[in-house]
């Protein structure tokens, strides 16, 4: 989802708060690309997918759910990424 086309009534500050929570998870020198952001009204929540390089040098995909009313970030899983997924993240992802 492009963050420049947020659904009507969605406060951009909620996405900024989500990103601030995400930054607190990673050390400042960790390379992180946000590859997907989805707003869901039935929470309301943000679902965020990102790709990062772990301490062992492997690239991983992580998913998080950010609960807007409670200002809470929930980890929802992690998996390895392929070289093509990494290339796509570098080409189209947005740095955290």
PDB file of N, CA and C in Angstrom:
ATOM      1  N   UNK A   1       0.841  -1.179   0.000  1.00  0.00           N
ATOM      2  CA  UNK A   1       0.000   0.000   0.000  1.00  0.00           C
ATOM      3  C   UNK A   1       0.879   1.233   0.000  1.00  0.00           C
ATOM      4  N   UNK A   2       0.566   2.156  -0.817  1.00  0.00           N
ATOM      5  CA  UNK A   2       1.280   3.421  -0.825  1.00  0.00           C
ATOM      6  C   UNK A   2       0.779   4.280   0.323  1.00  0.00           C
ATOM      7  N   UNK A   3       1.700   4.775   1.132  1.00  0.00           N
ATOM      8  CA  UNK A   3       1.275   5.590   2.269  1.00  0.00           C
ATOM      9  C   UNK A   3       0.805   6.969   1.835  1.00  0.00           C
ATOM     10  N   UNK A   4       1.042   7.335   0.584  1.00  0.00           N
ATOM     11  CA  UNK A   4       0.548   8.629   0.102  1.00  0.00           C
ATOM     12  C   UNK A   4      -0.938   8.556  -0.224  1.00  0.00           C
ATOM     13  N   UNK A   5      -1.507   7.338  -0.283  1.00  0.00           N
ATOM     14  CA  UNK A   5      -2.924   7.167  -0.587  1.00  0.00           C
ATOM     15  C   UNK A   5      -3.622   6.434   0.558  1.00  0.00           C
ATOM     16  N   UNK A   6      -3.529   6.991   1.740  1.00  0.00           N
ATOM     17  CA  UNK A   6      -4.183   6.396   2.897  1.00  0.00           C
ATOM     18  C   UNK A   6      -5.694   6.472   2.730  1.00  0.00           C
ATOM     19  N   UNK A   7      -6.421   5.487   3.268  1.00  0.00           N
ATOM     20  CA  UNK A   7      -7.881   5.543   3.197  1.00  0.00           C
ATOM     21  C   UNK A   7      -8.414   6.779   3.905  1.00  0.00           C
ATOM     22  N   UNK A   8      -9.565   7.246   3.473  1.00  0.00           N
ATOM     23  CA  UNK A   8     -10.187   8.418   4.090  1.00  0.00           C
ATOM     24  C   UNK A   8     -10.365   8.189   5.580  1.00  0.00           C
ATOM     25  N   UNK A   9     -10.044   9.178   6.365  1.00  0.00           N
ATOM     26  CA  UNK A   9     -10.229   9.101   7.799  1.00  0.00           C
ATOM     27  C   UNK A   9      -9.083   8.462   8.567  1.00  0.00           C
ATOM     28  N   UNK A  10      -8.060   7.975   7.865  1.00  0.00           N
ATOM     29  CA  UNK A  10      -6.923   7.352   8.540  1.00  0.00           C
ATOM     30  C   UNK A  10      -5.903   8.429   8.884  1.00  0.00           C
ATOM     31  N   UNK A  11      -5.543   8.488  10.128  1.00  0.00           N
ATOM     32  CA  UNK A  11      -4.595   9.480  10.613  1.00  0.00           C
ATOM     33  C   UNK A  11      -3.167   9.042  10.279  1.00  0.00           C
ATOM     34  N   UNK A  12      -2.453   9.865   9.541  1.00  0.00           N
ATOM     35  CA  UNK A  12      -1.068   9.559   9.176  1.00  0.00           C
ATOM     36  C   UNK A  12      -0.186   9.398  10.425  1.00  0.00           C
ATOM     37  N   UNK A  13      -0.561  10.039  11.516  1.00  0.00           N
ATOM     38  CA  UNK A  13       0.200   9.924  12.754  1.00  0.00           C
ATOM     39  C   UNK A  13       0.229   8.487  13.259  1.00  0.00           C
ATOM     40  N   UNK A  14      -0.832   7.711  13.002  1.00  0.00           N
ATOM     41  CA  UNK A  14      -0.844   6.312  13.452  1.00  0.00           C
ATOM     42  C   UNK A  14       0.248   5.511  12.759  1.00  0.00           C
ATOM     43  N   UNK A  15       0.509   5.802  11.501  1.00  0.00           N
ATOM     44  CA  UNK A  15       1.586   5.122  10.782  1.00  0.00           C
ATOM     45  C   UNK A  15       2.945   5.573  11.306  1.00  0.00           C
ATOM     46  N   UNK A  16       3.086   6.848  11.619  1.00  0.00           N
ATOM     47  CA  UNK A  16       4.328   7.350  12.212  1.00  0.00           C
ATOM     48  C   UNK A  16       4.595   6.700  13.564  1.00  0.00           C
ATOM     49  N   UNK A  17       3.551   6.525  14.363  1.00  0.00           N
ATOM     50  CA  UNK A  17       3.696   5.856  15.656  1.00  0.00           C
ATOM     51  C   UNK A  17       4.113   4.403  15.478  1.00  0.00           C
ATOM     52  N   UNK A  18       3.544   3.744  14.487  1.00  0.00           N
ATOM     53  CA  UNK A  18       3.900   2.362  14.176  1.00  0.00           C
ATOM     54  C   UNK A  18       5.385   2.274  13.817  1.00  0.00           C
ATOM     55  N   UNK A  19       5.842   3.161  12.962  1.00  0.00           N
ATOM     56  CA  UNK A  19       7.243   3.146  12.541  1.00  0.00           C
ATOM     57  C   UNK A  19       8.183   3.445  13.707  1.00  0.00           C
ATOM     58  N   UNK A  20       7.774   4.304  14.610  1.00  0.00           N
ATOM     59  CA  UNK A  20       8.593   4.579  15.793  1.00  0.00           C
ATOM     60  C   UNK A  20       8.739   3.318  16.642  1.00  0.00           C
ATOM     61  N   UNK A  21       7.659   2.579  16.805  1.00  0.00           N
ATOM     62  CA  UNK A  21       7.721   1.307  17.543  1.00  0.00           C
ATOM     63  C   UNK A  21       8.641   0.322  16.832  1.00  0.00           C
ATOM     64  N   UNK A  22       8.543   0.255  15.506  1.00  0.00           N
ATOM     65  CA  UNK A  22       9.397  -0.656  14.740  1.00  0.00           C
ATOM     66  C   UNK A  22      10.873  -0.285  14.891  1.00  0.00           C
ATOM     67  N   UNK A  23      11.188   0.999  14.866  1.00  0.00           N
ATOM     68  CA  UNK A  23      12.583   1.436  15.021  1.00  0.00           C
ATOM     69  C   UNK A  23      13.158   0.996  16.367  1.00  0.00           C
ATOM     70  N   UNK A  24      12.316   0.925  17.388  1.00  0.00           N
ATOM     71  CA  UNK A  24      12.800   0.533  18.710  1.00  0.00           C
ATOM     72  C   UNK A  24      13.167  -0.954  18.774  1.00  0.00           C
ATOM     73  N   UNK A  25      12.702  -1.742  17.810  1.00  0.00           N
ATOM     74  CA  UNK A  25      12.987  -3.175  17.785  1.00  0.00           C
ATOM     75  C   UNK A  25      14.399  -3.450  17.258  1.00  0.00           C
ATOM     76  N   UNK A  26      14.849  -2.625  16.320  1.00  0.00           N
ATOM     77  CA  UNK A  26      16.121  -2.859  15.636  1.00  0.00           C
ATOM     78  C   UNK A  26      17.188  -1.879  16.112  1.00  0.00           C
ATOM     79  N   UNK A  27      18.438  -2.322  16.097  1.00  0.00           N
ATOM     80  CA  UNK A  27      19.527  -1.398  16.423  1.00  0.00           C
ATOM     81  C   UNK A  27      19.648  -0.390  15.282  1.00  0.00           C
ATOM     82  N   UNK A  28      20.150   0.808  15.574  1.00  0.00           N
ATOM     83  CA  UNK A  28      20.189   1.872  14.567  1.00  0.00           C
ATOM     84  C   UNK A  28      20.978   1.512  13.296  1.00  0.00           C
ATOM     85  N   UNK A  29      21.947   0.611  13.395  1.00  0.00           N
ATOM     86  CA  UNK A  29      22.748   0.272  12.224  1.00  0.00           C
ATOM     87  C   UNK A  29      22.182  -0.890  11.402  1.00  0.00           C
ATOM     88  N   UNK A  30      21.036  -1.441  11.797  1.00  0.00           N
ATOM     89  CA  UNK A  30      20.416  -2.534  11.053  1.00  0.00           C
ATOM     90  C   UNK A  30      19.714  -1.985   9.811  1.00  0.00           C
ATOM     91  N   UNK A  31      19.973  -2.620   8.670  1.00  0.00           N
ATOM     92  CA  UNK A  31      19.314  -2.233   7.425  1.00  0.00           C
ATOM     93  C   UNK A  31      17.936  -2.897   7.398  1.00  0.00           C
ATOM     94  N   UNK A  32      16.895  -2.061   7.280  1.00  0.00           N
ATOM     95  CA  UNK A  32      15.517  -2.552   7.294  1.00  0.00           C
ATOM     96  C   UNK A  32      14.745  -1.871   6.165  1.00  0.00           C
ATOM     97  N   UNK A  33      14.056  -2.681   5.368  1.00  0.00           N
ATOM     98  CA  UNK A  33      13.170  -2.157   4.325  1.00  0.00           C
ATOM     99  C   UNK A  33      11.749  -2.553   4.641  1.00  0.00           C
ATOM    100  N   UNK A  34      10.849  -1.585   4.618  1.00  0.00           N
ATOM    101  CA  UNK A  34       9.424  -1.867   4.726  1.00  0.00           C
ATOM    102  C   UNK A  34       8.944  -2.217   3.326  1.00  0.00           C
ATOM    103  N   UNK A  35       8.351  -3.403   3.192  1.00  0.00           N
ATOM    104  CA  UNK A  35       7.911  -3.859   1.876  1.00  0.00           C
ATOM    105  C   UNK A  35       6.400  -3.829   1.707  1.00  0.00           C
ATOM    106  N   UNK A  36       5.666  -3.754   2.824  1.00  0.00           N
ATOM    107  CA  UNK A  36       4.213  -3.706   2.721  1.00  0.00           C
ATOM    108  C   UNK A  36       3.631  -3.096   3.991  1.00  0.00           C
ATOM    109  N   UNK A  37       2.630  -2.264   3.818  1.00  0.00           N
ATOM    110  CA  UNK A  37       1.874  -1.657   4.918  1.00  0.00           C
ATOM    111  C   UNK A  37       0.408  -1.732   4.545  1.00  0.00           C
ATOM    112  N   UNK A  38      -0.383  -2.340   5.406  1.00  0.00           N
ATOM    113  CA  UNK A  38      -1.806  -2.462   5.136  1.00  0.00           C
ATOM    114  C   UNK A  38      -2.589  -1.973   6.353  1.00  0.00           C
ATOM    115  N   UNK A  39      -3.511  -1.084   6.104  1.00  0.00           N
ATOM    116  CA  UNK A  39      -4.385  -0.579   7.157  1.00  0.00           C
ATOM    117  C   UNK A  39      -5.653  -1.428   7.178  1.00  0.00           C
ATOM    118  N   UNK A  40      -6.063  -1.845   8.368  1.00  0.00           N
ATOM    119  CA  UNK A  40      -7.306  -2.596   8.526  1.00  0.00           C
ATOM    120  C   UNK A  40      -8.193  -1.860   9.513  1.00  0.00           C
ATOM    121  N   UNK A  41      -9.369  -1.511   9.046  1.00  0.00           N
ATOM    122  CA  UNK A  41     -10.310  -0.746   9.871  1.00  0.00           C
ATOM    123  C   UNK A  41     -10.851  -1.539  11.040  1.00  0.00           C
ATOM    124  N   UNK A  42     -10.921  -2.849  10.929  1.00  0.00           N
ATOM    125  CA  UNK A  42     -11.556  -3.654  11.979  1.00  0.00           C
ATOM    126  C   UNK A  42     -10.655  -3.865  13.184  1.00  0.00           C
ATOM    127  N   UNK A  43      -9.771  -2.964  13.456  1.00  0.00           N
ATOM    128  CA  UNK A  43      -8.886  -3.016  14.615  1.00  0.00           C
ATOM    129  C   UNK A  43      -9.017  -1.760  15.447  1.00  0.00           C
ATOM    130  N   UNK A  44      -8.722  -0.653  14.928  1.00  0.00           N
ATOM    131  CA  UNK A  44      -7.961  -0.455  13.691  1.00  0.00           C
ATOM    132  C   UNK A  44      -6.493  -0.819  13.915  1.00  0.00           C
ATOM    133  N   UNK A  45      -5.887  -1.393  12.873  1.00  0.00           N
ATOM    134  CA  UNK A  45      -4.491  -1.824  12.967  1.00  0.00           C
ATOM    135  C   UNK A  45      -3.752  -1.550  11.666  1.00  0.00           C
ATOM    136  N   UNK A  46      -2.436  -1.533  11.772  1.00  0.00           N
ATOM    137  CA  UNK A  46      -1.544  -1.556  10.617  1.00  0.00           C
ATOM    138  C   UNK A  46      -0.874  -2.923  10.596  1.00  0.00           C
ATOM    139  N   UNK A  47      -0.818  -3.565   9.451  1.00  0.00           N
ATOM    140  CA  UNK A  47      -0.028  -4.784   9.251  1.00  0.00           C
ATOM    141  C   UNK A  47       1.184  -4.372   8.425  1.00  0.00           C
ATOM    142  N   UNK A  48       2.367  -4.671   8.934  1.00  0.00           N
ATOM    143  CA  UNK A  48       3.597  -4.232   8.284  1.00  0.00           C
ATOM    144  C   UNK A  48       4.498  -5.446   8.031  1.00  0.00           C
ATOM    145  N   UNK A  49       5.029  -5.518   6.821  1.00  0.00           N
ATOM    146  CA  UNK A  49       6.003  -6.535   6.460  1.00  0.00           C
ATOM    147  C   UNK A  49       7.300  -5.826   6.153  1.00  0.00           C
ATOM    148  N   UNK A  50       8.397  -6.372   6.670  1.00  0.00           N
ATOM    149  CA  UNK A  50       9.691  -5.769   6.416  1.00  0.00           C
ATOM    150  C   UNK A  50      10.744  -6.841   6.202  1.00  0.00           C
ATOM    151  N   UNK A  51      11.849  -6.446   5.607  1.00  0.00           N
ATOM    152  CA  UNK A  51      12.994  -7.326   5.392  1.00  0.00           C
ATOM    153  C   UNK A  51      14.193  -6.677   6.057  1.00  0.00           C
ATOM    154  N   UNK A  52      14.955  -7.492   6.791  1.00  0.00           N
ATOM    155  CA  UNK A  52      16.121  -6.977   7.508  1.00  0.00           C
ATOM    156  C   UNK A  52      17.216  -8.030   7.503  1.00  0.00           C
ATOM    157  N   UNK A  53      18.419  -7.601   7.847  1.00  0.00           N
ATOM    158  CA  UNK A  53      19.545  -8.522   7.939  1.00  0.00           C
ATOM    159  C   UNK A  53      19.811  -8.820   9.412  1.00  0.00           C
ATOM    160  N   UNK A  54      19.786 -10.110   9.771  1.00  0.00           N
ATOM    161  CA  UNK A  54      19.972 -10.463  11.181  1.00  0.00           C
ATOM    162  C   UNK A  54      21.460 -10.466  11.569  1.00  0.00           C
ATOM    163  N   UNK A  55      21.738 -10.785  12.823  1.00  0.00           N
ATOM    164  CA  UNK A  55      23.102 -10.742  13.353  1.00  0.00           C
ATOM    165  C   UNK A  55      24.041 -11.716  12.643  1.00  0.00           C
ATOM    166  N   UNK A  56      23.492 -12.783  12.076  1.00  0.00           N
ATOM    167  CA  UNK A  56      24.286 -13.797  11.381  1.00  0.00           C
ATOM    168  C   UNK A  56      24.508 -13.441   9.915  1.00  0.00           C
ATOM    169  N   UNK A  57      23.942 -12.328   9.463  1.00  0.00           N
ATOM    170  CA  UNK A  57      24.101 -11.882   8.086  1.00  0.00           C
ATOM    171  C   UNK A  57      23.038 -12.397   7.132  1.00  0.00           C
ATOM    172  N   UNK A  58      22.072 -13.169   7.642  1.00  0.00           N
ATOM    173  CA  UNK A  58      20.998 -13.696   6.791  1.00  0.00           C
ATOM    174  C   UNK A  58      19.877 -12.668   6.678  1.00  0.00           C
ATOM    175  N   UNK A  59      19.266 -12.623   5.512  1.00  0.00           N
ATOM    176  CA  UNK A  59      18.135 -11.719   5.288  1.00  0.00           C
ATOM    177  C   UNK A  59      16.854 -12.445   5.649  1.00  0.00           C
ATOM    178  N   UNK A  60      15.997 -11.757   6.407  1.00  0.00           N
ATOM    179  CA  UNK A  60      14.763 -12.334   6.925  1.00  0.00           C
ATOM    180  C   UNK A  60      13.590 -11.396   6.685  1.00  0.00           C
ATOM    181  N   UNK A  61      12.398 -11.995   6.555  1.00  0.00           N
ATOM    182  CA  UNK A  61      11.156 -11.223   6.456  1.00  0.00           C
ATOM    183  C   UNK A  61      10.464 -11.314   7.806  1.00  0.00           C
ATOM    184  N   UNK A  62      10.036 -10.189   8.312  1.00  0.00           N
ATOM    185  CA  UNK A  62       9.277 -10.156   9.561  1.00  0.00           C
ATOM    186  C   UNK A  62       7.948  -9.471   9.313  1.00  0.00           C
ATOM    187  N   UNK A  63       6.979  -9.924  10.076  1.00  0.00           N
ATOM    188  CA  UNK A  63       5.656  -9.298  10.023  1.00  0.00           C
ATOM    189  C   UNK A  63       5.271  -8.835  11.413  1.00  0.00           C
ATOM    190  N   UNK A  64       4.630  -7.662  11.426  1.00  0.00           N
ATOM    191  CA  UNK A  64       4.159  -7.077  12.676  1.00  0.00           C
ATOM    192  C   UNK A  64       2.735  -6.579  12.492  1.00  0.00           C
ATOM    193  N   UNK A  65       2.036  -6.506  13.602  1.00  0.00           N
ATOM    194  CA  UNK A  65       0.708  -5.898  13.640  1.00  0.00           C
ATOM    195  C   UNK A  65       0.783  -4.793  14.688  1.00  0.00           C
ATOM    196  N   UNK A  66       0.403  -3.589  14.278  1.00  0.00           N
ATOM    197  CA  UNK A  66       0.407  -2.447  15.194  1.00  0.00           C
ATOM    198  C   UNK A  66      -1.035  -2.093  15.536  1.00  0.00           C
ATOM    199  N   UNK A  67      -1.390  -2.251  16.810  1.00  0.00           N
ATOM    200  CA  UNK A  67      -2.724  -1.926  17.298  1.00  0.00           C
ATOM    201  C   UNK A  67      -2.755  -0.437  17.618  1.00  0.00           C
ATOM    202  N   UNK A  68      -3.508   0.315  16.857  1.00  0.00           N
ATOM    203  CA  UNK A  68      -3.529   1.774  16.989  1.00  0.00           C
ATOM    204  C   UNK A  68      -4.097   2.247  18.331  1.00  0.00           C
ATOM    205  N   UNK A  69      -5.279   1.767  18.751  1.00  0.00           N
ATOM    206  CA  UNK A  69      -5.827   2.289  20.009  1.00  0.00           C
ATOM    207  C   UNK A  69      -4.934   2.048  21.230  1.00  0.00           C
ATOM    208  N   UNK A  70      -4.257   0.896  21.271  1.00  0.00           N
ATOM    209  CA  UNK A  70      -3.426   0.599  22.447  1.00  0.00           C
ATOM    210  C   UNK A  70      -1.960   0.966  22.236  1.00  0.00           C
ATOM    211  N   UNK A  71      -1.605   1.437  21.023  1.00  0.00           N
ATOM    212  CA  UNK A  71      -0.220   1.811  20.704  1.00  0.00           C
ATOM    213  C   UNK A  71       0.730   0.639  21.001  1.00  0.00           C
ATOM    214  N   UNK A  72       0.325  -0.563  20.532  1.00  0.00           N
ATOM    215  CA  UNK A  72       1.068  -1.776  20.812  1.00  0.00           C
ATOM    216  C   UNK A  72       1.503  -2.454  19.519  1.00  0.00           C
ATOM    217  N   UNK A  73       2.770  -2.859  19.474  1.00  0.00           N
ATOM    218  CA  UNK A  73       3.323  -3.573  18.325  1.00  0.00           C
ATOM    219  C   UNK A  73       3.374  -5.055  18.660  1.00  0.00           C
ATOM    220  N   UNK A  74       2.829  -5.891  17.769  1.00  0.00           N
ATOM    221  CA  UNK A  74       2.803  -7.336  17.964  1.00  0.00           C
ATOM    222  C   UNK A  74       3.622  -8.010  16.867  1.00  0.00           C
ATOM    223  N   UNK A  75       4.563  -8.844  17.250  1.00  0.00           N
ATOM    224  CA  UNK A  75       5.358  -9.644  16.318  1.00  0.00           C
ATOM    225  C   UNK A  75       4.491 -10.801  15.850  1.00  0.00           C
ATOM    226  N   UNK A  76       4.414 -11.023  14.530  1.00  0.00           N
ATOM    227  CA  UNK A  76       3.548 -12.088  14.029  1.00  0.00           C
ATOM    228  C   UNK A  76       4.282 -13.138  13.211  1.00  0.00           C
ATOM    229  N   UNK A  77       5.605 -13.080  13.163  1.00  0.00           N
ATOM    230  CA  UNK A  77       6.338 -14.148  12.504  1.00  0.00           C
ATOM    231  C   UNK A  77       7.513 -13.681  11.679  1.00  0.00           C
ATOM    232  N   UNK A  78       8.352 -14.678  11.332  1.00  0.00           N
ATOM    233  CA  UNK A  78       9.572 -14.400  10.588  1.00  0.00           C
ATOM    234  C   UNK A  78       9.898 -15.579   9.689  1.00  0.00           C
ATOM    235  N   UNK A  79      10.498 -15.311   8.525  1.00  0.00           N
ATOM    236  CA  UNK A  79      10.878 -16.355   7.580  1.00  0.00           C
ATOM    237  C   UNK A  79      12.070 -15.865   6.754  1.00  0.00           C
ATOM    238  N   UNK A  80      12.847 -16.796   6.207  1.00  0.00           N
ATOM    239  CA  UNK A  80      13.950 -16.382   5.331  1.00  0.00           C
ATOM    240  C   UNK A  80      13.396 -15.816   4.025  1.00  0.00           C
ATOM    241  N   UNK A  81      14.219 -15.037   3.330  1.00  0.00           N
ATOM    242  CA  UNK A  81      13.813 -14.483   2.033  1.00  0.00           C
ATOM    243  C   UNK A  81      14.746 -14.996   0.945  1.00  0.00           C
ATOM    244  N   UNK A  82      14.229 -15.060  -0.255  1.00  0.00           N
ATOM    245  CA  UNK A  82      15.028 -15.476  -1.405  1.00  0.00           C
ATOM    246  C   UNK A  82      15.809 -14.279  -1.935  1.00  0.00           C
ATOM    247  N   UNK A  83      16.768 -14.556  -2.793  1.00  0.00           N
ATOM    248  CA  UNK A  83      17.536 -13.476  -3.410  1.00  0.00           C
ATOM    249  C   UNK A  83      16.643 -12.547  -4.221  1.00  0.00           C
ATOM    250  N   UNK A  84      15.635 -13.098  -4.887  1.00  0.00           N
ATOM    251  CA  UNK A  84      14.736 -12.258  -5.682  1.00  0.00           C
ATOM    252  C   UNK A  84      13.874 -11.366  -4.788  1.00  0.00           C
ATOM    253  N   UNK A  85      13.438 -11.880  -3.632  1.00  0.00           N
ATOM    254  CA  UNK A  85      12.674 -11.059  -2.682  1.00  0.00           C
ATOM    255  C   UNK A  85      13.537  -9.929  -2.131  1.00  0.00           C
ATOM    256  N   UNK A  86      14.803 -10.232  -1.856  1.00  0.00           N
ATOM    257  CA  UNK A  86      15.715  -9.207  -1.365  1.00  0.00           C
ATOM    258  C   UNK A  86      15.932  -8.127  -2.415  1.00  0.00           C
ATOM    259  N   UNK A  87      16.129  -8.543  -3.658  1.00  0.00           N
ATOM    260  CA  UNK A  87      16.312  -7.573  -4.742  1.00  0.00           C
ATOM    261  C   UNK A  87      15.080  -6.691  -4.902  1.00  0.00           C
ATOM    262  N   UNK A  88      13.889  -7.286  -4.790  1.00  0.00           N
ATOM    263  CA  UNK A  88      12.653  -6.513  -4.908  1.00  0.00           C
ATOM    264  C   UNK A  88      12.526  -5.525  -3.742  1.00  0.00           C
ATOM    265  N   UNK A  89      12.906  -5.946  -2.548  1.00  0.00           N
ATOM    266  CA  UNK A  89      12.832  -5.056  -1.389  1.00  0.00           C
ATOM    267  C   UNK A  89      13.768  -3.866  -1.573  1.00  0.00           C
ATOM    268  N   UNK A  90      14.946  -4.138  -2.090  1.00  0.00           N
ATOM    269  CA  UNK A  90      15.905  -3.036  -2.333  1.00  0.00           C
ATOM    270  C   UNK A  90      15.398  -2.081  -3.401  1.00  0.00           C
ATOM    271  N   UNK A  91      14.700  -2.624  -4.390  1.00  0.00           N
ATOM    272  CA  UNK A  91      14.222  -1.804  -5.514  1.00  0.00           C
ATOM    273  C   UNK A  91      12.964  -1.011  -5.166  1.00  0.00           C
ATOM    274  N   UNK A  92      12.057  -1.612  -4.408  1.00  0.00           N
ATOM    275  CA  UNK A  92      10.768  -0.965  -4.194  1.00  0.00           C
ATOM    276  C   UNK A  92      10.435  -0.684  -2.741  1.00  0.00           C
ATOM    277  N   UNK A  93      11.186  -1.251  -1.802  1.00  0.00           N
ATOM    278  CA  UNK A  93      10.904  -1.045  -0.392  1.00  0.00           C
ATOM    279  C   UNK A  93      11.302   0.357   0.063  1.00  0.00           C
ATOM    280  N   UNK A  94      10.839   0.693   1.241  1.00  0.00           N
ATOM    281  CA  UNK A  94      11.153   1.992   1.835  1.00  0.00           C
ATOM    282  C   UNK A  94      11.947   1.735   3.096  1.00  0.00           C
ATOM    283  N   UNK A  95      13.068   2.443   3.240  1.00  0.00           N
ATOM    284  CA  UNK A  95      13.908   2.252   4.434  1.00  0.00           C
ATOM    285  C   UNK A  95      13.186   2.720   5.684  1.00  0.00           C
ATOM    286  N   UNK A  96      13.332   1.932   6.721  1.00  0.00           N
ATOM    287  CA  UNK A  96      12.773   2.289   8.025  1.00  0.00           C
ATOM    288  C   UNK A  96      13.695   3.272   8.677  1.00  0.00           C
TER     289      UNK A  96
END
